[in-house]
N, C-alpha and C. Protein backbone atom coordinates (compact mmCIF):
# COMPACT_ATOMS: atom_id res chain seq x y z
N UNK A 1 15.01 -16.91 -33.58
CA UNK A 1 15.90 -17.98 -33.12
C UNK A 1 16.84 -17.47 -32.04
N UNK A 2 17.29 -16.25 -32.17
CA UNK A 2 18.21 -15.69 -31.18
C UNK A 2 17.57 -15.63 -29.80
N UNK A 3 16.28 -15.28 -29.75
CA UNK A 3 15.60 -15.22 -28.45
C UNK A 3 15.50 -16.61 -27.82
N UNK A 4 15.35 -17.65 -28.63
CA UNK A 4 15.30 -19.01 -28.10
C UNK A 4 16.65 -19.42 -27.52
N UNK A 5 17.72 -18.98 -28.14
CA UNK A 5 19.06 -19.26 -27.62
C UNK A 5 19.25 -18.57 -26.28
N UNK A 6 18.80 -17.32 -26.17
CA UNK A 6 18.91 -16.59 -24.89
C UNK A 6 18.09 -17.27 -23.80
N UNK A 7 16.86 -17.65 -24.14
CA UNK A 7 16.01 -18.35 -23.17
C UNK A 7 16.67 -19.66 -22.75
N UNK A 8 17.22 -20.38 -23.71
CA UNK A 8 17.92 -21.63 -23.45
C UNK A 8 19.06 -21.40 -22.45
N UNK A 9 19.89 -20.42 -22.71
CA UNK A 9 21.05 -20.15 -21.85
C UNK A 9 20.63 -19.70 -20.45
N UNK A 10 19.62 -18.84 -20.37
CA UNK A 10 19.14 -18.37 -19.07
C UNK A 10 18.54 -19.53 -18.27
N UNK A 11 17.78 -20.38 -18.93
CA UNK A 11 17.16 -21.52 -18.26
C UNK A 11 18.23 -22.50 -17.76
N UNK A 12 19.23 -22.79 -18.59
CA UNK A 12 20.31 -23.68 -18.17
C UNK A 12 21.01 -23.09 -16.95
N UNK A 13 21.37 -21.81 -17.01
CA UNK A 13 22.10 -21.18 -15.90
C UNK A 13 21.26 -21.16 -14.62
N UNK A 14 19.98 -20.81 -14.74
CA UNK A 14 19.11 -20.72 -13.55
C UNK A 14 18.90 -22.08 -12.90
N UNK A 15 18.60 -23.08 -13.70
CA UNK A 15 18.36 -24.42 -13.15
C UNK A 15 19.65 -25.03 -12.58
N UNK A 16 20.76 -24.78 -13.24
CA UNK A 16 22.06 -25.23 -12.72
C UNK A 16 22.31 -24.61 -11.35
N UNK A 17 22.08 -23.30 -11.24
CA UNK A 17 22.31 -22.59 -9.97
C UNK A 17 21.41 -23.13 -8.86
N UNK A 18 20.15 -23.34 -9.15
CA UNK A 18 19.22 -23.87 -8.14
C UNK A 18 19.66 -25.27 -7.70
N UNK A 19 19.98 -26.12 -8.66
CA UNK A 19 20.39 -27.48 -8.31
C UNK A 19 21.67 -27.47 -7.48
N UNK A 20 22.63 -26.67 -7.85
CA UNK A 20 23.88 -26.61 -7.10
C UNK A 20 23.66 -26.04 -5.69
N UNK A 21 22.76 -25.09 -5.55
CA UNK A 21 22.46 -24.53 -4.23
C UNK A 21 21.86 -25.61 -3.32
N UNK A 22 20.90 -26.36 -3.84
CA UNK A 22 20.27 -27.41 -3.04
C UNK A 22 21.32 -28.45 -2.66
N UNK A 23 22.17 -28.84 -3.59
CA UNK A 23 23.22 -29.81 -3.29
C UNK A 23 24.18 -29.26 -2.22
N UNK A 24 24.48 -27.96 -2.31
CA UNK A 24 25.36 -27.34 -1.31
C UNK A 24 24.76 -27.49 0.09
N UNK A 25 23.46 -27.33 0.22
CA UNK A 25 22.80 -27.48 1.52
C UNK A 25 23.08 -28.85 2.12
N UNK A 26 23.00 -29.88 1.29
CA UNK A 26 23.22 -31.24 1.78
C UNK A 26 24.70 -31.50 2.07
N UNK A 27 25.57 -31.00 1.23
CA UNK A 27 27.01 -31.17 1.48
C UNK A 27 27.38 -30.44 2.77
N UNK A 28 26.68 -29.36 3.06
CA UNK A 28 26.94 -28.56 4.25
C UNK A 28 26.32 -29.16 5.52
N UNK A 29 25.58 -30.27 5.39
CA UNK A 29 25.11 -30.94 6.58
C UNK A 29 23.61 -31.07 6.74
N UNK A 30 22.82 -30.50 5.85
CA UNK A 30 21.36 -30.61 5.96
C UNK A 30 20.93 -32.05 5.73
N UNK A 31 19.92 -32.48 6.43
CA UNK A 31 19.37 -33.81 6.24
C UNK A 31 18.15 -34.02 7.11
N UNK A 32 17.24 -34.84 6.63
CA UNK A 32 16.03 -35.18 7.38
C UNK A 32 15.79 -36.68 7.18
N UNK A 33 15.63 -37.41 8.28
CA UNK A 33 15.35 -38.83 8.19
C UNK A 33 13.85 -39.02 8.34
N UNK A 34 13.18 -39.36 7.26
CA UNK A 34 11.73 -39.53 7.28
C UNK A 34 11.31 -40.97 7.28
N UNK A 35 10.00 -41.17 7.42
CA UNK A 35 9.46 -42.52 7.47
C UNK A 35 9.51 -43.22 6.11
N UNK A 36 9.19 -42.49 5.04
CA UNK A 36 9.20 -43.08 3.70
C UNK A 36 10.27 -42.46 2.81
N UNK A 37 10.50 -41.19 3.01
CA UNK A 37 11.50 -40.48 2.21
C UNK A 37 12.45 -39.78 3.16
N UNK A 38 13.73 -40.04 2.97
CA UNK A 38 14.75 -39.36 3.77
C UNK A 38 15.54 -38.44 2.85
N UNK A 39 15.96 -37.32 3.41
CA UNK A 39 16.82 -36.39 2.69
C UNK A 39 18.20 -36.50 3.31
N UNK A 40 19.04 -37.32 2.70
CA UNK A 40 20.36 -37.61 3.24
C UNK A 40 21.41 -37.53 2.13
N UNK A 41 22.59 -37.15 2.49
CA UNK A 41 23.67 -37.00 1.53
C UNK A 41 24.25 -38.35 1.12
N UNK A 42 24.43 -38.52 -0.17
CA UNK A 42 25.12 -39.69 -0.71
C UNK A 42 25.86 -39.25 -1.98
N UNK A 43 26.99 -39.85 -2.23
CA UNK A 43 27.74 -39.57 -3.45
C UNK A 43 27.64 -40.77 -4.38
N UNK A 44 27.15 -40.52 -5.58
CA UNK A 44 26.98 -41.58 -6.57
C UNK A 44 28.14 -41.51 -7.55
N UNK A 45 28.94 -42.54 -7.58
CA UNK A 45 30.10 -42.58 -8.48
C UNK A 45 29.73 -43.06 -9.87
N UNK A 46 28.51 -43.60 -10.03
CA UNK A 46 28.06 -44.08 -11.33
C UNK A 46 26.98 -43.17 -11.88
N UNK A 47 26.10 -43.74 -12.69
CA UNK A 47 24.92 -43.03 -13.18
C UNK A 47 23.72 -43.63 -12.47
N UNK A 48 22.56 -43.66 -13.08
CA UNK A 48 21.35 -44.19 -12.44
C UNK A 48 21.61 -45.54 -11.80
N UNK A 49 21.18 -45.68 -10.55
CA UNK A 49 21.34 -46.92 -9.79
C UNK A 49 22.82 -47.33 -9.68
N UNK A 50 23.71 -46.35 -9.73
CA UNK A 50 25.17 -46.54 -9.64
C UNK A 50 25.76 -47.38 -10.77
N UNK A 51 25.05 -47.49 -11.87
CA UNK A 51 25.59 -48.21 -13.02
C UNK A 51 26.83 -47.50 -13.54
N UNK A 52 27.74 -48.24 -14.10
CA UNK A 52 28.98 -47.74 -14.70
C UNK A 52 29.92 -47.09 -13.71
N UNK A 53 29.74 -47.35 -12.43
CA UNK A 53 30.66 -46.80 -11.42
C UNK A 53 32.08 -47.28 -11.65
N UNK A 54 32.23 -48.43 -12.30
CA UNK A 54 33.56 -48.97 -12.57
C UNK A 54 34.36 -48.08 -13.52
N UNK A 55 33.68 -47.18 -14.24
CA UNK A 55 34.38 -46.26 -15.14
C UNK A 55 35.12 -45.16 -14.37
N UNK A 56 34.74 -44.98 -13.11
CA UNK A 56 35.41 -44.06 -12.20
C UNK A 56 35.60 -42.68 -12.82
N UNK A 57 36.81 -42.18 -12.88
CA UNK A 57 37.12 -40.83 -13.38
C UNK A 57 36.75 -40.65 -14.85
N UNK A 58 36.77 -41.73 -15.62
CA UNK A 58 36.48 -41.64 -17.05
C UNK A 58 35.02 -41.29 -17.33
N UNK A 59 34.14 -41.58 -16.40
CA UNK A 59 32.72 -41.35 -16.62
C UNK A 59 32.41 -39.88 -16.90
N UNK A 60 33.03 -38.98 -16.17
CA UNK A 60 32.74 -37.56 -16.39
C UNK A 60 33.19 -37.10 -17.78
N UNK A 61 34.28 -37.67 -18.28
CA UNK A 61 34.75 -37.29 -19.61
C UNK A 61 33.86 -37.88 -20.70
N UNK A 62 33.35 -39.07 -20.47
CA UNK A 62 32.39 -39.66 -21.40
C UNK A 62 31.13 -38.80 -21.45
N UNK A 63 30.67 -38.34 -20.27
CA UNK A 63 29.47 -37.51 -20.22
C UNK A 63 29.70 -36.15 -20.89
N UNK A 64 30.89 -35.59 -20.73
CA UNK A 64 31.20 -34.33 -21.41
C UNK A 64 31.18 -34.55 -22.92
N UNK A 65 31.75 -35.66 -23.37
CA UNK A 65 31.72 -35.99 -24.80
C UNK A 65 30.30 -36.10 -25.32
N UNK A 66 29.42 -36.74 -24.55
CA UNK A 66 28.02 -36.87 -24.95
C UNK A 66 27.35 -35.50 -25.03
N UNK A 67 27.67 -34.64 -24.10
CA UNK A 67 27.13 -33.28 -24.10
C UNK A 67 27.59 -32.51 -25.33
N UNK A 68 28.86 -32.62 -25.67
CA UNK A 68 29.39 -31.94 -26.84
C UNK A 68 28.74 -32.46 -28.12
N UNK A 69 28.56 -33.77 -28.22
CA UNK A 69 27.87 -34.35 -29.38
C UNK A 69 26.45 -33.80 -29.47
N UNK A 70 25.77 -33.68 -28.34
CA UNK A 70 24.42 -33.11 -28.34
C UNK A 70 24.40 -31.66 -28.81
N UNK A 71 25.36 -30.88 -28.37
CA UNK A 71 25.44 -29.48 -28.78
C UNK A 71 25.70 -29.38 -30.29
N UNK A 72 26.62 -30.19 -30.78
CA UNK A 72 26.92 -30.19 -32.23
C UNK A 72 25.67 -30.60 -33.01
N UNK A 73 24.99 -31.64 -32.55
CA UNK A 73 23.79 -32.10 -33.23
C UNK A 73 22.74 -30.99 -33.32
N UNK A 74 22.53 -30.29 -32.21
CA UNK A 74 21.53 -29.22 -32.20
C UNK A 74 21.97 -28.02 -33.03
N UNK A 75 23.28 -27.76 -33.10
CA UNK A 75 23.78 -26.67 -33.93
C UNK A 75 23.56 -26.98 -35.41
N UNK A 76 23.70 -28.24 -35.77
CA UNK A 76 23.49 -28.64 -37.16
C UNK A 76 22.00 -28.69 -37.50
N UNK A 77 21.19 -29.17 -36.55
CA UNK A 77 19.75 -29.34 -36.75
C UNK A 77 18.99 -28.23 -36.02
N UNK A 78 19.06 -27.04 -36.57
CA UNK A 78 18.47 -25.86 -35.93
C UNK A 78 16.95 -25.99 -35.75
N UNK A 79 16.29 -26.68 -36.68
CA UNK A 79 14.84 -26.87 -36.54
C UNK A 79 14.50 -27.70 -35.31
N UNK A 80 15.32 -28.70 -35.05
CA UNK A 80 15.10 -29.53 -33.86
C UNK A 80 15.32 -28.69 -32.61
N UNK A 81 16.37 -27.87 -32.60
CA UNK A 81 16.60 -26.99 -31.46
C UNK A 81 15.39 -26.09 -31.25
N UNK A 82 14.87 -25.54 -32.32
CA UNK A 82 13.73 -24.64 -32.24
C UNK A 82 12.50 -25.31 -31.62
N UNK A 83 12.29 -26.58 -31.94
CA UNK A 83 11.14 -27.31 -31.40
C UNK A 83 11.33 -27.75 -29.95
N UNK A 84 12.57 -28.06 -29.58
CA UNK A 84 12.84 -28.71 -28.30
C UNK A 84 13.71 -27.87 -27.35
N UNK A 85 13.88 -26.59 -27.60
CA UNK A 85 14.87 -25.81 -26.85
C UNK A 85 14.61 -25.75 -25.34
N UNK A 86 13.36 -25.72 -24.91
CA UNK A 86 13.09 -25.65 -23.47
C UNK A 86 13.39 -27.00 -22.79
N UNK A 87 12.84 -28.12 -23.26
CA UNK A 87 13.21 -29.37 -22.59
C UNK A 87 14.70 -29.71 -22.72
N UNK A 88 15.33 -29.32 -23.83
CA UNK A 88 16.76 -29.57 -23.97
C UNK A 88 17.54 -28.71 -22.97
N UNK A 89 17.10 -27.50 -22.72
CA UNK A 89 17.75 -26.65 -21.71
C UNK A 89 17.64 -27.30 -20.34
N UNK A 90 16.47 -27.84 -20.02
CA UNK A 90 16.28 -28.52 -18.74
C UNK A 90 17.19 -29.75 -18.65
N UNK A 91 17.25 -30.51 -19.73
CA UNK A 91 18.11 -31.70 -19.79
C UNK A 91 19.58 -31.31 -19.61
N UNK A 92 20.03 -30.30 -20.33
CA UNK A 92 21.43 -29.87 -20.23
C UNK A 92 21.74 -29.34 -18.83
N UNK A 93 20.82 -28.60 -18.23
CA UNK A 93 21.06 -28.06 -16.88
C UNK A 93 21.30 -29.19 -15.90
N UNK A 94 20.44 -30.21 -15.94
CA UNK A 94 20.61 -31.36 -15.04
C UNK A 94 21.89 -32.11 -15.32
N UNK A 95 22.18 -32.33 -16.59
CA UNK A 95 23.39 -33.05 -16.97
C UNK A 95 24.66 -32.30 -16.59
N UNK A 96 24.69 -31.02 -16.89
CA UNK A 96 25.87 -30.21 -16.56
C UNK A 96 26.08 -30.15 -15.05
N UNK A 97 24.99 -30.03 -14.31
CA UNK A 97 25.11 -29.96 -12.86
C UNK A 97 25.68 -31.26 -12.29
N UNK A 98 25.22 -32.39 -12.80
CA UNK A 98 25.74 -33.67 -12.32
C UNK A 98 27.20 -33.87 -12.73
N UNK A 99 27.57 -33.44 -13.93
CA UNK A 99 28.97 -33.52 -14.36
C UNK A 99 29.83 -32.61 -13.48
N UNK A 100 29.35 -31.43 -13.19
CA UNK A 100 30.07 -30.50 -12.31
C UNK A 100 30.35 -31.15 -10.96
N UNK A 101 29.35 -31.85 -10.42
CA UNK A 101 29.52 -32.57 -9.15
C UNK A 101 30.69 -33.54 -9.22
N UNK A 102 30.84 -34.22 -10.33
CA UNK A 102 31.91 -35.21 -10.47
C UNK A 102 33.29 -34.56 -10.36
N UNK A 103 33.41 -33.33 -10.79
CA UNK A 103 34.69 -32.62 -10.67
C UNK A 103 34.91 -32.08 -9.27
N UNK A 104 33.85 -31.60 -8.63
CA UNK A 104 33.96 -30.95 -7.32
C UNK A 104 33.95 -31.98 -6.18
N UNK A 105 33.10 -32.99 -6.29
CA UNK A 105 32.89 -33.93 -5.18
C UNK A 105 33.31 -35.37 -5.50
N UNK A 106 33.86 -35.61 -6.67
CA UNK A 106 34.28 -36.95 -7.11
C UNK A 106 33.10 -37.91 -7.21
N UNK A 107 31.90 -37.39 -7.28
CA UNK A 107 30.68 -38.17 -7.47
C UNK A 107 29.50 -37.23 -7.47
N UNK A 108 28.37 -37.70 -7.97
CA UNK A 108 27.17 -36.87 -8.01
C UNK A 108 26.55 -36.80 -6.61
N UNK A 109 26.19 -35.59 -6.20
CA UNK A 109 25.55 -35.39 -4.91
C UNK A 109 24.08 -35.78 -5.02
N UNK A 110 23.71 -36.87 -4.36
CA UNK A 110 22.32 -37.32 -4.31
C UNK A 110 21.80 -37.14 -2.89
N UNK A 111 20.48 -36.98 -2.75
CA UNK A 111 19.96 -36.71 -1.40
C UNK A 111 18.52 -37.12 -1.16
N UNK A 112 17.75 -37.48 -2.16
CA UNK A 112 16.37 -37.92 -1.94
C UNK A 112 16.37 -39.44 -1.95
N UNK A 113 16.10 -40.03 -0.80
CA UNK A 113 16.16 -41.48 -0.65
C UNK A 113 14.78 -42.02 -0.31
N UNK A 114 14.20 -42.78 -1.24
CA UNK A 114 12.90 -43.40 -1.05
C UNK A 114 13.09 -44.77 -0.43
N UNK A 115 12.44 -45.01 0.70
CA UNK A 115 12.57 -46.32 1.36
C UNK A 115 11.25 -46.76 2.00
N UNK A 116 10.16 -46.48 1.34
CA UNK A 116 8.83 -46.84 1.85
C UNK A 116 8.35 -48.10 1.15
N UNK A 117 8.32 -49.19 1.88
CA UNK A 117 7.89 -50.46 1.30
C UNK A 117 9.01 -51.21 0.61
N UNK A 118 9.89 -50.48 -0.06
CA UNK A 118 11.04 -51.08 -0.72
C UNK A 118 12.11 -49.99 -0.87
N UNK A 119 13.35 -50.41 -0.95
CA UNK A 119 14.42 -49.43 -1.16
C UNK A 119 14.46 -49.06 -2.62
N UNK A 120 14.43 -47.77 -2.85
CA UNK A 120 14.50 -47.27 -4.22
C UNK A 120 15.79 -46.48 -4.36
N UNK A 121 16.03 -46.00 -5.52
CA UNK A 121 17.25 -45.24 -5.78
C UNK A 121 17.28 -43.96 -4.97
N UNK A 122 18.47 -43.47 -4.77
CA UNK A 122 18.65 -42.15 -4.19
C UNK A 122 18.97 -41.21 -5.35
N UNK A 123 18.34 -40.05 -5.36
CA UNK A 123 18.47 -39.18 -6.52
C UNK A 123 18.49 -37.72 -6.08
N UNK A 124 18.53 -36.81 -7.05
CA UNK A 124 18.60 -35.38 -6.76
C UNK A 124 17.71 -34.60 -7.74
N UNK A 125 17.69 -33.30 -7.59
CA UNK A 125 16.88 -32.44 -8.45
C UNK A 125 17.32 -32.54 -9.91
N UNK A 126 18.60 -32.61 -10.16
CA UNK A 126 19.09 -32.72 -11.54
C UNK A 126 18.53 -33.97 -12.22
N UNK A 127 18.46 -35.06 -11.48
CA UNK A 127 17.89 -36.29 -12.03
C UNK A 127 16.42 -36.09 -12.40
N UNK A 128 15.70 -35.41 -11.55
CA UNK A 128 14.28 -35.12 -11.81
C UNK A 128 14.15 -34.22 -13.04
N UNK A 129 15.02 -33.22 -13.15
CA UNK A 129 15.01 -32.34 -14.32
C UNK A 129 15.24 -33.13 -15.60
N UNK A 130 16.21 -34.05 -15.57
CA UNK A 130 16.50 -34.88 -16.74
C UNK A 130 15.28 -35.72 -17.11
N UNK A 131 14.62 -36.32 -16.13
CA UNK A 131 13.43 -37.12 -16.40
C UNK A 131 12.31 -36.27 -16.98
N UNK A 132 12.08 -35.10 -16.42
CA UNK A 132 11.05 -34.20 -16.93
C UNK A 132 11.35 -33.82 -18.37
N UNK A 133 12.60 -33.52 -18.66
CA UNK A 133 13.00 -33.12 -20.02
C UNK A 133 12.75 -34.25 -21.02
N UNK A 134 13.10 -35.46 -20.65
CA UNK A 134 12.91 -36.60 -21.56
C UNK A 134 11.41 -36.82 -21.82
N UNK A 135 10.61 -36.80 -20.78
CA UNK A 135 9.16 -36.97 -20.96
C UNK A 135 8.59 -35.85 -21.83
N UNK A 136 9.04 -34.62 -21.60
CA UNK A 136 8.58 -33.48 -22.39
C UNK A 136 8.96 -33.64 -23.86
N UNK A 137 10.18 -34.10 -24.14
CA UNK A 137 10.60 -34.30 -25.52
C UNK A 137 9.79 -35.41 -26.19
N UNK A 138 9.50 -36.47 -25.46
CA UNK A 138 8.66 -37.54 -26.01
C UNK A 138 7.27 -37.00 -26.32
N UNK A 139 6.73 -36.18 -25.43
CA UNK A 139 5.41 -35.59 -25.64
C UNK A 139 5.41 -34.68 -26.89
N UNK A 140 6.43 -33.83 -27.03
CA UNK A 140 6.51 -32.96 -28.21
C UNK A 140 6.59 -33.81 -29.48
N UNK A 141 7.40 -34.85 -29.45
CA UNK A 141 7.53 -35.73 -30.61
C UNK A 141 6.20 -36.40 -30.93
N UNK A 142 5.50 -36.86 -29.90
CA UNK A 142 4.19 -37.47 -30.09
C UNK A 142 3.21 -36.48 -30.73
N UNK A 143 3.20 -35.26 -30.22
CA UNK A 143 2.30 -34.23 -30.78
C UNK A 143 2.66 -33.92 -32.23
N UNK A 144 3.94 -33.85 -32.55
CA UNK A 144 4.37 -33.59 -33.92
C UNK A 144 3.95 -34.72 -34.84
N UNK A 145 4.12 -35.97 -34.40
CA UNK A 145 3.72 -37.12 -35.21
C UNK A 145 2.21 -37.14 -35.42
N UNK A 146 1.47 -36.82 -34.36
CA UNK A 146 0.01 -36.79 -34.43
C UNK A 146 -0.45 -35.71 -35.42
N UNK A 147 0.21 -34.56 -35.40
CA UNK A 147 -0.13 -33.47 -36.30
C UNK A 147 0.18 -33.84 -37.76
N UNK A 148 1.28 -34.57 -37.99
CA UNK A 148 1.65 -34.98 -39.35
C UNK A 148 0.66 -35.98 -39.92
N UNK A 149 0.10 -36.84 -39.06
CA UNK A 149 -0.85 -37.86 -39.52
C UNK A 149 -2.23 -37.28 -39.79
N UNK A 150 -2.53 -36.12 -39.20
CA UNK A 150 -3.87 -35.52 -39.33
C UNK A 150 -4.06 -34.82 -40.66
């Protein structure tokens, strides 16, 4: 179990660092205007699709509270941590990075803008990490349920 905690912490730190480095590039002026996908800086004051932007400064504290509840839950349910530690590390890295942005930039640094055929959301690497983590956790849960039924 101790090795899983170390892997968890290293993965969170590494992914956080990579995400923050990429965001730094965009804050520092990097950008590419493409035909379907543009890499442009935008600050998102809300969550996905700018929802809950009206919560303003309170949003980051709500997200920190959610993170703390998740940590407590995993500390109590060690078996769940053992099964899901890698996708949870990916999820936490993305979440922590976006929360960090709210303190440093007063909004999440987004930069991938899809506009081919229709305008889609603008997002960042942390958002992709969160999506990957959720899909991975659903897959693990599906595999566990399938194994229990067999």
